[in-house]
N, C-alpha and C. Protein backbone atom coordinates (compact mmCIF):
# COMPACT_ATOMS: atom_id res chain seq x y z
N MET A 1 -53.46 160.71 10.10
CA MET A 1 -52.40 161.13 11.01
C MET A 1 -51.11 161.30 10.20
N ASN A 2 -50.46 162.45 10.40
CA ASN A 2 -49.20 162.70 9.72
C ASN A 2 -48.10 161.85 10.34
N PRO A 3 -47.19 161.33 9.53
CA PRO A 3 -46.08 160.59 10.11
C PRO A 3 -45.17 161.54 10.88
N PRO A 4 -44.53 161.06 11.95
CA PRO A 4 -43.63 161.93 12.70
C PRO A 4 -42.45 162.35 11.84
N LEU A 5 -41.83 163.47 12.22
CA LEU A 5 -40.69 163.98 11.46
C LEU A 5 -39.52 163.00 11.52
N GLN A 6 -39.39 162.29 12.62
CA GLN A 6 -38.36 161.27 12.74
C GLN A 6 -38.90 160.18 13.67
N ARG A 7 -38.32 159.01 13.59
CA ARG A 7 -38.77 157.88 14.40
C ARG A 7 -38.37 158.10 15.85
N VAL A 8 -39.31 157.92 16.76
CA VAL A 8 -39.08 158.14 18.18
C VAL A 8 -39.26 156.82 18.91
N SER A 9 -38.33 156.49 19.79
CA SER A 9 -38.45 155.26 20.56
C SER A 9 -39.23 155.52 21.84
N VAL A 10 -39.84 154.49 22.36
CA VAL A 10 -40.58 154.59 23.62
C VAL A 10 -39.65 155.02 24.76
N PRO A 11 -38.45 154.42 24.90
CA PRO A 11 -37.56 154.87 25.98
C PRO A 11 -37.16 156.35 25.85
N ALA A 12 -36.96 156.83 24.62
CA ALA A 12 -36.59 158.23 24.44
C ALA A 12 -37.73 159.15 24.86
N LEU A 13 -38.95 158.80 24.49
CA LEU A 13 -40.12 159.59 24.87
C LEU A 13 -40.31 159.57 26.39
N PHE A 14 -40.20 158.38 26.98
CA PHE A 14 -40.30 158.25 28.44
C PHE A 14 -39.23 159.12 29.11
N SER A 15 -38.01 159.07 28.61
CA SER A 15 -36.90 159.82 29.21
C SER A 15 -37.15 161.33 29.19
N VAL A 16 -37.64 161.84 28.08
CA VAL A 16 -37.92 163.28 27.98
C VAL A 16 -38.97 163.69 29.01
N PHE A 17 -40.06 162.95 29.07
CA PHE A 17 -41.13 163.32 30.00
C PHE A 17 -40.75 163.01 31.45
N PHE A 18 -39.90 162.04 31.67
CA PHE A 18 -39.40 161.78 33.03
C PHE A 18 -38.61 162.98 33.53
N ARG A 19 -37.71 163.50 32.70
CA ARG A 19 -36.91 164.68 33.10
C ARG A 19 -37.80 165.89 33.32
N ILE A 20 -38.78 166.09 32.47
CA ILE A 20 -39.69 167.22 32.63
C ILE A 20 -40.45 167.10 33.95
N GLY A 21 -40.95 165.93 34.24
CA GLY A 21 -41.70 165.72 35.49
C GLY A 21 -40.84 165.84 36.73
N LEU A 22 -39.61 165.39 36.63
CA LEU A 22 -38.75 165.35 37.81
C LEU A 22 -38.11 166.70 38.12
N PHE A 23 -37.73 167.44 37.09
CA PHE A 23 -36.94 168.64 37.31
C PHE A 23 -37.71 169.94 37.17
N SER A 24 -39.01 169.88 37.07
CA SER A 24 -39.76 171.13 36.91
C SER A 24 -40.78 171.28 38.03
N PHE A 25 -40.94 172.51 38.46
CA PHE A 25 -41.91 172.83 39.50
C PHE A 25 -42.84 173.91 38.98
N GLY A 26 -44.10 173.86 39.37
CA GLY A 26 -45.03 174.92 39.03
C GLY A 26 -45.33 174.99 37.56
N GLY A 27 -45.49 176.20 37.06
CA GLY A 27 -45.85 176.42 35.67
C GLY A 27 -44.68 176.27 34.73
N GLY A 28 -44.96 176.48 33.49
CA GLY A 28 -43.92 176.44 32.47
C GLY A 28 -43.62 175.07 31.92
N LEU A 29 -44.37 174.07 32.32
CA LEU A 29 -44.09 172.72 31.83
C LEU A 29 -44.33 172.61 30.33
N SER A 30 -45.38 173.26 29.84
CA SER A 30 -45.64 173.17 28.41
C SER A 30 -44.53 173.85 27.61
N GLY A 31 -43.94 174.89 28.17
CA GLY A 31 -42.79 175.52 27.52
C GLY A 31 -41.61 174.58 27.45
N TRP A 32 -41.41 173.81 28.50
CA TRP A 32 -40.32 172.84 28.52
C TRP A 32 -40.59 171.73 27.49
N VAL A 33 -41.84 171.27 27.42
CA VAL A 33 -42.20 170.25 26.44
C VAL A 33 -41.94 170.79 25.03
N TYR A 34 -42.33 172.04 24.79
CA TYR A 34 -42.09 172.65 23.49
C TYR A 34 -40.60 172.64 23.15
N ARG A 35 -39.79 173.07 24.11
CA ARG A 35 -38.34 173.13 23.87
C ARG A 35 -37.78 171.74 23.57
N GLU A 36 -38.20 170.75 24.35
CA GLU A 36 -37.67 169.39 24.19
C GLU A 36 -38.16 168.73 22.90
N VAL A 37 -39.46 168.86 22.62
CA VAL A 37 -40.09 168.08 21.55
C VAL A 37 -40.00 168.78 20.19
N VAL A 38 -40.08 170.10 20.17
CA VAL A 38 -40.07 170.83 18.90
C VAL A 38 -38.67 171.38 18.60
N VAL A 39 -38.12 172.14 19.53
CA VAL A 39 -36.88 172.86 19.26
C VAL A 39 -35.66 171.93 19.26
N GLN A 40 -35.49 171.16 20.32
CA GLN A 40 -34.27 170.35 20.43
C GLN A 40 -34.31 169.07 19.61
N ARG A 41 -35.44 168.37 19.62
CA ARG A 41 -35.48 167.06 18.98
C ARG A 41 -36.18 167.05 17.63
N GLY A 42 -37.01 168.05 17.35
CA GLY A 42 -37.71 168.10 16.08
C GLY A 42 -38.72 166.98 15.89
N TRP A 43 -39.25 166.47 16.99
CA TRP A 43 -40.22 165.38 16.88
C TRP A 43 -41.56 165.86 16.33
N LEU A 44 -41.94 167.09 16.64
CA LEU A 44 -43.18 167.68 16.14
C LEU A 44 -42.87 169.03 15.51
N THR A 45 -43.73 169.44 14.59
CA THR A 45 -43.61 170.80 14.07
C THR A 45 -44.26 171.75 15.07
N GLU A 46 -43.99 173.03 14.89
CA GLU A 46 -44.59 174.02 15.79
C GLU A 46 -46.12 174.00 15.68
N ASP A 47 -46.64 173.86 14.47
CA ASP A 47 -48.09 173.81 14.28
C ASP A 47 -48.71 172.60 14.98
N GLU A 48 -48.05 171.44 14.87
CA GLU A 48 -48.56 170.25 15.55
C GLU A 48 -48.57 170.45 17.06
N PHE A 49 -47.50 171.03 17.58
CA PHE A 49 -47.41 171.26 19.02
C PHE A 49 -48.51 172.23 19.48
N LEU A 50 -48.69 173.33 18.74
CA LEU A 50 -49.70 174.32 19.13
C LEU A 50 -51.10 173.73 19.04
N SER A 51 -51.34 172.86 18.09
CA SER A 51 -52.63 172.18 18.01
C SER A 51 -52.84 171.32 19.25
N GLY A 52 -51.78 170.62 19.66
CA GLY A 52 -51.85 169.79 20.86
C GLY A 52 -52.06 170.63 22.10
N MET A 53 -51.43 171.80 22.17
CA MET A 53 -51.63 172.70 23.30
C MET A 53 -53.08 173.13 23.39
N ALA A 54 -53.66 173.49 22.25
CA ALA A 54 -55.05 173.93 22.24
C ALA A 54 -55.97 172.82 22.71
N VAL A 55 -55.75 171.62 22.21
CA VAL A 55 -56.57 170.49 22.62
C VAL A 55 -56.38 170.19 24.11
N SER A 56 -55.14 170.24 24.58
CA SER A 56 -54.87 169.90 25.99
C SER A 56 -55.50 170.91 26.94
N GLN A 57 -55.68 172.14 26.49
CA GLN A 57 -56.25 173.16 27.37
C GLN A 57 -57.77 173.09 27.43
N ILE A 58 -58.41 172.55 26.41
CA ILE A 58 -59.88 172.48 26.45
C ILE A 58 -60.38 171.18 27.06
N LEU A 59 -59.53 170.18 27.15
CA LEU A 59 -59.94 168.91 27.76
C LEU A 59 -59.86 169.01 29.27
N PRO A 60 -60.71 168.26 29.98
CA PRO A 60 -60.61 168.27 31.44
C PRO A 60 -59.31 167.60 31.90
N GLY A 61 -58.84 168.01 33.03
CA GLY A 61 -57.62 167.42 33.59
C GLY A 61 -56.46 168.39 33.49
N ALA A 62 -55.33 167.93 33.95
CA ALA A 62 -54.12 168.75 33.95
C ALA A 62 -53.64 168.95 32.51
N ASN A 63 -53.37 170.19 32.15
CA ASN A 63 -52.95 170.50 30.78
C ASN A 63 -51.69 169.72 30.39
N ILE A 64 -50.74 169.63 31.30
CA ILE A 64 -49.48 168.96 30.98
C ILE A 64 -49.71 167.47 30.75
N ALA A 65 -50.60 166.86 31.51
CA ALA A 65 -50.91 165.44 31.29
C ALA A 65 -51.58 165.25 29.94
N ASN A 66 -52.52 166.14 29.63
CA ASN A 66 -53.19 166.06 28.32
C ASN A 66 -52.19 166.26 27.19
N LEU A 67 -51.27 167.19 27.38
CA LEU A 67 -50.25 167.45 26.36
C LEU A 67 -49.34 166.23 26.19
N GLY A 68 -48.98 165.59 27.29
CA GLY A 68 -48.17 164.37 27.21
C GLY A 68 -48.88 163.27 26.44
N VAL A 69 -50.17 163.11 26.70
CA VAL A 69 -50.95 162.11 25.96
C VAL A 69 -50.97 162.45 24.48
N TYR A 70 -51.17 163.72 24.17
CA TYR A 70 -51.20 164.15 22.76
C TYR A 70 -49.86 163.86 22.07
N VAL A 71 -48.77 164.30 22.70
CA VAL A 71 -47.45 164.12 22.09
C VAL A 71 -47.16 162.63 21.91
N GLY A 72 -47.40 161.84 22.94
CA GLY A 72 -47.16 160.40 22.84
C GLY A 72 -47.99 159.75 21.76
N GLN A 73 -49.27 160.12 21.68
CA GLN A 73 -50.16 159.56 20.66
C GLN A 73 -49.70 159.97 19.27
N LYS A 74 -49.33 161.21 19.12
CA LYS A 74 -48.91 161.74 17.81
C LYS A 74 -47.63 161.05 17.33
N LEU A 75 -46.72 160.77 18.26
CA LEU A 75 -45.43 160.21 17.86
C LEU A 75 -45.43 158.69 17.74
N ILE A 76 -46.09 157.99 18.66
CA ILE A 76 -45.97 156.53 18.70
C ILE A 76 -47.33 155.84 18.71
N GLY A 77 -48.35 156.51 19.24
CA GLY A 77 -49.66 155.87 19.38
C GLY A 77 -49.98 155.69 20.85
N PRO A 78 -50.90 154.76 21.15
CA PRO A 78 -51.30 154.56 22.55
C PRO A 78 -50.13 154.22 23.48
N VAL A 79 -49.18 153.45 22.99
CA VAL A 79 -48.01 153.11 23.81
C VAL A 79 -47.21 154.38 24.12
N GLY A 80 -47.13 155.29 23.17
CA GLY A 80 -46.44 156.56 23.39
C GLY A 80 -47.15 157.42 24.42
N SER A 81 -48.47 157.43 24.37
CA SER A 81 -49.24 158.17 25.38
C SER A 81 -48.97 157.63 26.77
N ALA A 82 -48.98 156.31 26.88
CA ALA A 82 -48.70 155.70 28.19
C ALA A 82 -47.27 155.99 28.65
N ALA A 83 -46.32 155.94 27.73
CA ALA A 83 -44.92 156.20 28.09
C ALA A 83 -44.74 157.64 28.55
N ALA A 84 -45.37 158.59 27.86
CA ALA A 84 -45.25 160.00 28.24
C ALA A 84 -45.86 160.24 29.61
N LEU A 85 -47.05 159.70 29.86
CA LEU A 85 -47.69 159.87 31.17
C LEU A 85 -46.89 159.20 32.28
N LEU A 86 -46.45 157.99 32.03
CA LEU A 86 -45.66 157.28 33.04
C LEU A 86 -44.37 158.03 33.33
N GLY A 87 -43.73 158.53 32.31
CA GLY A 87 -42.51 159.31 32.50
C GLY A 87 -42.77 160.59 33.26
N LEU A 88 -43.85 161.26 32.93
CA LEU A 88 -44.18 162.53 33.55
C LEU A 88 -44.48 162.39 35.04
N PHE A 89 -45.16 161.31 35.42
CA PHE A 89 -45.60 161.18 36.81
C PHE A 89 -44.75 160.26 37.67
N SER A 90 -43.93 159.39 37.09
CA SER A 90 -43.18 158.45 37.93
C SER A 90 -42.07 159.13 38.72
N GLY A 91 -41.37 160.08 38.14
CA GLY A 91 -40.31 160.79 38.87
C GLY A 91 -40.85 161.52 40.09
N PRO A 92 -41.85 162.40 39.91
CA PRO A 92 -42.41 163.09 41.08
C PRO A 92 -43.03 162.13 42.11
N PHE A 93 -43.62 161.04 41.64
CA PHE A 93 -44.22 160.07 42.57
C PHE A 93 -43.17 159.52 43.53
N PHE A 94 -42.06 159.06 42.97
CA PHE A 94 -41.02 158.50 43.83
C PHE A 94 -40.31 159.58 44.64
N ALA A 95 -40.20 160.78 44.10
CA ALA A 95 -39.60 161.88 44.85
C ALA A 95 -40.44 162.22 46.08
N VAL A 96 -41.75 162.25 45.92
CA VAL A 96 -42.63 162.55 47.06
C VAL A 96 -42.57 161.43 48.09
N ILE A 97 -42.55 160.19 47.64
CA ILE A 97 -42.43 159.07 48.56
C ILE A 97 -41.12 159.17 49.33
N GLY A 98 -40.03 159.47 48.63
CA GLY A 98 -38.74 159.62 49.29
C GLY A 98 -38.72 160.77 50.27
N LEU A 99 -39.28 161.91 49.87
CA LEU A 99 -39.31 163.07 50.77
C LEU A 99 -40.18 162.80 52.00
N ALA A 100 -41.28 162.09 51.81
CA ALA A 100 -42.13 161.74 52.96
C ALA A 100 -41.38 160.83 53.92
N SER A 101 -40.58 159.92 53.39
CA SER A 101 -39.79 159.03 54.25
C SER A 101 -38.74 159.81 55.01
N VAL A 102 -38.10 160.75 54.35
CA VAL A 102 -37.07 161.56 54.99
C VAL A 102 -37.69 162.51 56.01
N TYR A 103 -38.89 163.00 55.74
CA TYR A 103 -39.55 163.95 56.63
C TYR A 103 -39.73 163.37 58.02
N HIS A 104 -40.07 162.09 58.14
CA HIS A 104 -40.27 161.49 59.45
C HIS A 104 -38.99 161.51 60.28
N VAL A 105 -37.85 161.46 59.63
CA VAL A 105 -36.57 161.53 60.33
C VAL A 105 -36.22 162.98 60.64
N VAL A 106 -36.42 163.85 59.65
CA VAL A 106 -36.01 165.25 59.79
C VAL A 106 -36.87 166.01 60.79
N LYS A 107 -38.15 165.66 60.91
CA LYS A 107 -39.04 166.41 61.79
C LYS A 107 -38.65 166.30 63.26
N THR A 108 -37.83 165.33 63.61
CA THR A 108 -37.40 165.20 65.00
C THR A 108 -36.18 166.07 65.32
N LEU A 109 -35.55 166.64 64.29
CA LEU A 109 -34.39 167.50 64.52
C LEU A 109 -34.83 168.82 65.14
N PRO A 110 -33.99 169.41 65.98
CA PRO A 110 -34.41 170.62 66.70
C PRO A 110 -34.71 171.82 65.80
N PHE A 111 -34.07 171.93 64.66
CA PHE A 111 -34.28 173.09 63.80
C PHE A 111 -35.40 172.90 62.78
N ALA A 112 -36.04 171.73 62.77
CA ALA A 112 -37.05 171.42 61.75
C ALA A 112 -38.24 172.38 61.82
N ASP A 113 -38.74 172.65 63.04
CA ASP A 113 -39.88 173.55 63.16
C ASP A 113 -39.55 174.95 62.64
N ALA A 114 -38.36 175.44 62.98
CA ALA A 114 -37.96 176.77 62.51
C ALA A 114 -37.82 176.78 60.99
N ALA A 115 -37.26 175.72 60.43
CA ALA A 115 -37.12 175.66 58.97
C ALA A 115 -38.48 175.64 58.29
N LEU A 116 -39.42 174.86 58.80
CA LEU A 116 -40.75 174.81 58.20
C LEU A 116 -41.48 176.14 58.38
N ASP A 117 -41.26 176.82 59.51
CA ASP A 117 -41.85 178.16 59.68
C ASP A 117 -41.28 179.12 58.64
N GLY A 118 -40.00 179.00 58.34
CA GLY A 118 -39.38 179.84 57.31
C GLY A 118 -39.95 179.56 55.94
N VAL A 119 -40.16 178.28 55.63
CA VAL A 119 -40.77 177.92 54.34
C VAL A 119 -42.18 178.48 54.26
N ALA A 120 -42.95 178.37 55.34
CA ALA A 120 -44.32 178.91 55.35
C ALA A 120 -44.30 180.42 55.18
N ALA A 121 -43.36 181.09 55.85
CA ALA A 121 -43.27 182.55 55.72
C ALA A 121 -42.92 182.96 54.29
N SER A 122 -42.03 182.22 53.66
CA SER A 122 -41.68 182.56 52.27
C SER A 122 -42.86 182.30 51.34
N ALA A 123 -43.64 181.26 51.59
CA ALA A 123 -44.82 181.00 50.77
C ALA A 123 -45.84 182.12 50.93
N ILE A 124 -46.01 182.60 52.15
CA ILE A 124 -46.93 183.71 52.38
C ILE A 124 -46.41 184.97 51.68
N GLY A 125 -45.09 185.18 51.75
CA GLY A 125 -44.50 186.32 51.05
C GLY A 125 -44.72 186.27 49.55
N LEU A 126 -44.56 185.09 48.96
CA LEU A 126 -44.81 184.94 47.52
C LEU A 126 -46.28 185.21 47.20
N LEU A 127 -47.17 184.71 48.05
CA LEU A 127 -48.60 184.94 47.83
C LEU A 127 -48.92 186.42 47.93
N LEU A 128 -48.34 187.11 48.91
CA LEU A 128 -48.58 188.54 49.04
C LEU A 128 -48.02 189.31 47.84
N MET A 129 -46.91 188.85 47.30
CA MET A 129 -46.35 189.49 46.11
C MET A 129 -47.30 189.36 44.93
N VAL A 130 -47.89 188.19 44.76
CA VAL A 130 -48.86 187.99 43.68
C VAL A 130 -50.07 188.89 43.90
N VAL A 131 -50.54 188.97 45.14
CA VAL A 131 -51.68 189.84 45.45
C VAL A 131 -51.34 191.29 45.16
N ALA A 132 -50.14 191.73 45.54
CA ALA A 132 -49.73 193.11 45.30
C ALA A 132 -49.66 193.41 43.80
N LYS A 133 -49.14 192.48 43.02
CA LYS A 133 -49.09 192.69 41.57
C LYS A 133 -50.51 192.76 40.98
N GLY A 134 -51.39 191.90 41.49
CA GLY A 134 -52.79 191.94 41.04
C GLY A 134 -53.45 193.26 41.41
N ALA A 135 -53.18 193.75 42.62
CA ALA A 135 -53.75 195.02 43.05
C ALA A 135 -53.20 196.17 42.21
N GLN A 136 -51.93 196.11 41.90
CA GLN A 136 -51.32 197.14 41.07
C GLN A 136 -51.98 197.19 39.69
N ARG A 137 -52.21 196.01 39.12
CA ARG A 137 -52.87 195.94 37.82
C ARG A 137 -54.33 196.38 37.93
N ALA A 138 -54.98 196.02 39.06
CA ALA A 138 -56.38 196.38 39.25
C ALA A 138 -56.56 197.87 39.47
N ALA A 139 -55.54 198.54 40.00
CA ALA A 139 -55.65 199.96 40.32
C ALA A 139 -55.78 200.84 39.08
N ARG A 140 -55.59 200.31 37.91
CA ARG A 140 -55.71 201.10 36.69
C ARG A 140 -57.14 201.57 36.44
N HIS A 141 -58.11 200.79 36.92
CA HIS A 141 -59.52 201.15 36.76
C HIS A 141 -60.20 201.02 38.12
N LEU A 142 -61.00 201.99 38.46
CA LEU A 142 -61.65 202.01 39.76
C LEU A 142 -62.56 200.80 39.96
N ALA A 143 -63.30 200.42 38.92
CA ALA A 143 -64.21 199.28 39.04
C ALA A 143 -63.44 197.98 39.27
N THR A 144 -62.31 197.84 38.61
CA THR A 144 -61.50 196.64 38.78
C THR A 144 -60.93 196.58 40.19
N LEU A 145 -60.46 197.72 40.69
CA LEU A 145 -59.94 197.78 42.05
C LEU A 145 -61.05 197.47 43.06
N ALA A 146 -62.25 197.98 42.81
CA ALA A 146 -63.38 197.71 43.72
C ALA A 146 -63.70 196.22 43.74
N ALA A 147 -63.67 195.56 42.57
CA ALA A 147 -63.93 194.12 42.51
C ALA A 147 -62.85 193.35 43.26
N PHE A 148 -61.61 193.76 43.09
CA PHE A 148 -60.49 193.11 43.77
C PHE A 148 -60.64 193.23 45.28
N VAL A 149 -60.92 194.43 45.77
CA VAL A 149 -61.06 194.66 47.22
C VAL A 149 -62.29 193.93 47.75
N ALA A 150 -63.40 193.97 47.01
CA ALA A 150 -64.62 193.29 47.46
C ALA A 150 -64.39 191.78 47.58
N THR A 151 -63.70 191.21 46.62
CA THR A 151 -63.42 189.77 46.68
C THR A 151 -62.52 189.45 47.86
N PHE A 152 -61.49 190.26 48.07
CA PHE A 152 -60.59 190.03 49.21
C PHE A 152 -61.33 190.11 50.54
N VAL A 153 -62.15 191.15 50.70
CA VAL A 153 -62.88 191.34 51.96
C VAL A 153 -63.88 190.21 52.17
N ALA A 154 -64.65 189.88 51.14
CA ALA A 154 -65.70 188.88 51.28
C ALA A 154 -65.13 187.49 51.57
N VAL A 155 -64.08 187.11 50.85
CA VAL A 155 -63.53 185.76 51.03
C VAL A 155 -62.49 185.72 52.14
N GLY A 156 -61.56 186.67 52.12
CA GLY A 156 -60.45 186.64 53.08
C GLY A 156 -60.82 187.04 54.48
N LEU A 157 -61.68 188.02 54.63
CA LEU A 157 -62.01 188.51 55.97
C LEU A 157 -63.35 187.99 56.48
N LEU A 158 -64.35 188.00 55.63
CA LEU A 158 -65.69 187.56 56.06
C LEU A 158 -65.91 186.06 55.90
N HIS A 159 -65.02 185.39 55.17
CA HIS A 159 -65.08 183.93 54.96
C HIS A 159 -66.36 183.48 54.28
N TRP A 160 -66.84 184.31 53.33
CA TRP A 160 -67.99 183.92 52.53
C TRP A 160 -67.53 182.90 51.49
N PRO A 161 -68.44 182.06 51.00
CA PRO A 161 -68.06 181.05 50.01
C PRO A 161 -67.53 181.69 48.73
N LEU A 162 -66.41 181.19 48.25
CA LEU A 162 -65.75 181.75 47.08
C LEU A 162 -66.65 181.74 45.85
N LEU A 163 -67.37 180.63 45.63
CA LEU A 163 -68.22 180.54 44.44
C LEU A 163 -69.28 181.62 44.41
N ALA A 164 -69.94 181.86 45.55
CA ALA A 164 -70.97 182.89 45.61
C ALA A 164 -70.38 184.27 45.38
N VAL A 165 -69.24 184.53 45.99
CA VAL A 165 -68.59 185.83 45.84
C VAL A 165 -68.17 186.06 44.39
N VAL A 166 -67.56 185.06 43.78
CA VAL A 166 -67.12 185.20 42.40
C VAL A 166 -68.33 185.37 41.47
N ALA A 167 -69.42 184.68 41.74
CA ALA A 167 -70.61 184.84 40.91
C ALA A 167 -71.14 186.27 40.97
N VAL A 168 -71.21 186.84 42.17
CA VAL A 168 -71.75 188.19 42.31
C VAL A 168 -70.75 189.23 41.81
N VAL A 169 -69.52 189.15 42.30
CA VAL A 169 -68.51 190.14 41.91
C VAL A 169 -68.18 190.01 40.43
N GLY A 170 -68.15 188.79 39.92
CA GLY A 170 -67.89 188.59 38.49
C GLY A 170 -68.96 189.23 37.63
N ALA A 171 -70.21 189.05 38.01
CA ALA A 171 -71.30 189.67 37.25
C ALA A 171 -71.21 191.19 37.31
N LEU A 172 -70.92 191.73 38.49
CA LEU A 172 -70.76 193.18 38.62
C LEU A 172 -69.57 193.67 37.80
N SER A 173 -68.49 192.90 37.76
CA SER A 173 -67.31 193.29 36.98
C SER A 173 -67.61 193.32 35.48
N VAL A 174 -68.34 192.33 35.02
CA VAL A 174 -68.72 192.29 33.61
C VAL A 174 -69.60 193.50 33.28
N GLY A 175 -70.54 193.81 34.17
CA GLY A 175 -71.39 194.99 33.97
C GLY A 175 -70.59 196.27 33.93
N ALA A 176 -69.63 196.41 34.85
CA ALA A 176 -68.79 197.61 34.88
C ALA A 176 -67.94 197.71 33.62
N ALA A 177 -67.39 196.60 33.16
CA ALA A 177 -66.58 196.60 31.94
C ALA A 177 -67.45 196.97 30.73
N TRP A 178 -68.67 196.46 30.69
CA TRP A 178 -69.57 196.77 29.60
C TRP A 178 -69.91 198.25 29.59
N MET A 179 -70.17 198.82 30.79
CA MET A 179 -70.48 200.25 30.88
C MET A 179 -69.26 201.08 30.47
N ARG A 180 -68.07 200.66 30.88
CA ARG A 180 -66.87 201.39 30.53
C ARG A 180 -66.63 201.33 29.02
N HIS A 181 -66.87 200.17 28.43
CA HIS A 181 -66.72 200.02 26.98
C HIS A 181 -67.75 200.87 26.23
N SER A 182 -68.99 200.90 26.73
CA SER A 182 -70.04 201.72 26.10
C SER A 182 -69.70 203.19 26.18
N ALA A 183 -69.10 203.62 27.29
CA ALA A 183 -68.75 205.03 27.45
C ALA A 183 -67.60 205.40 26.53
N ASP A 184 -66.67 204.46 26.28
CA ASP A 184 -65.53 204.72 25.41
C ASP A 184 -65.94 204.75 23.93
N ALA A 185 -67.00 204.03 23.59
CA ALA A 185 -67.38 203.92 22.17
C ALA A 185 -68.14 205.11 21.66
């Protein structure tokens, strides 16, 4: 094991991962870890970080949790892994507990139902935007568009099991891509 570029304390490691866990939503967490650990603090080299990213993506579980374990292990050892994981998950854990406590009070307010309907509508809008972007990308090739539409109809409208649909449509998509590649060659 290579020695770290500089000595890292357990509280400093916990603090970095606590902020990442508390202030980030959705994707991009590994980018934030990269910025904090490689760019700002110089705790790891870029090669070390990218090696950790590769390992974290092939292991089962959440990539960000695996990456936290890797970074903590690389910098401090098992105690570092525990500190990174605890930091990553403790902020969101208490935030969810706090929000759940507040929700019981807020749900009795007269505007709560309308606000939650608005949140649901915005979530549906975001989902439709992702679907539209996927359809736009799929429209470049007829076979891809057909697979996209077939999956939507089978799962969304006919309520067929996703695994079965993906198995059939995925196999057909691979066949279509292979035929398209053979025709281009």
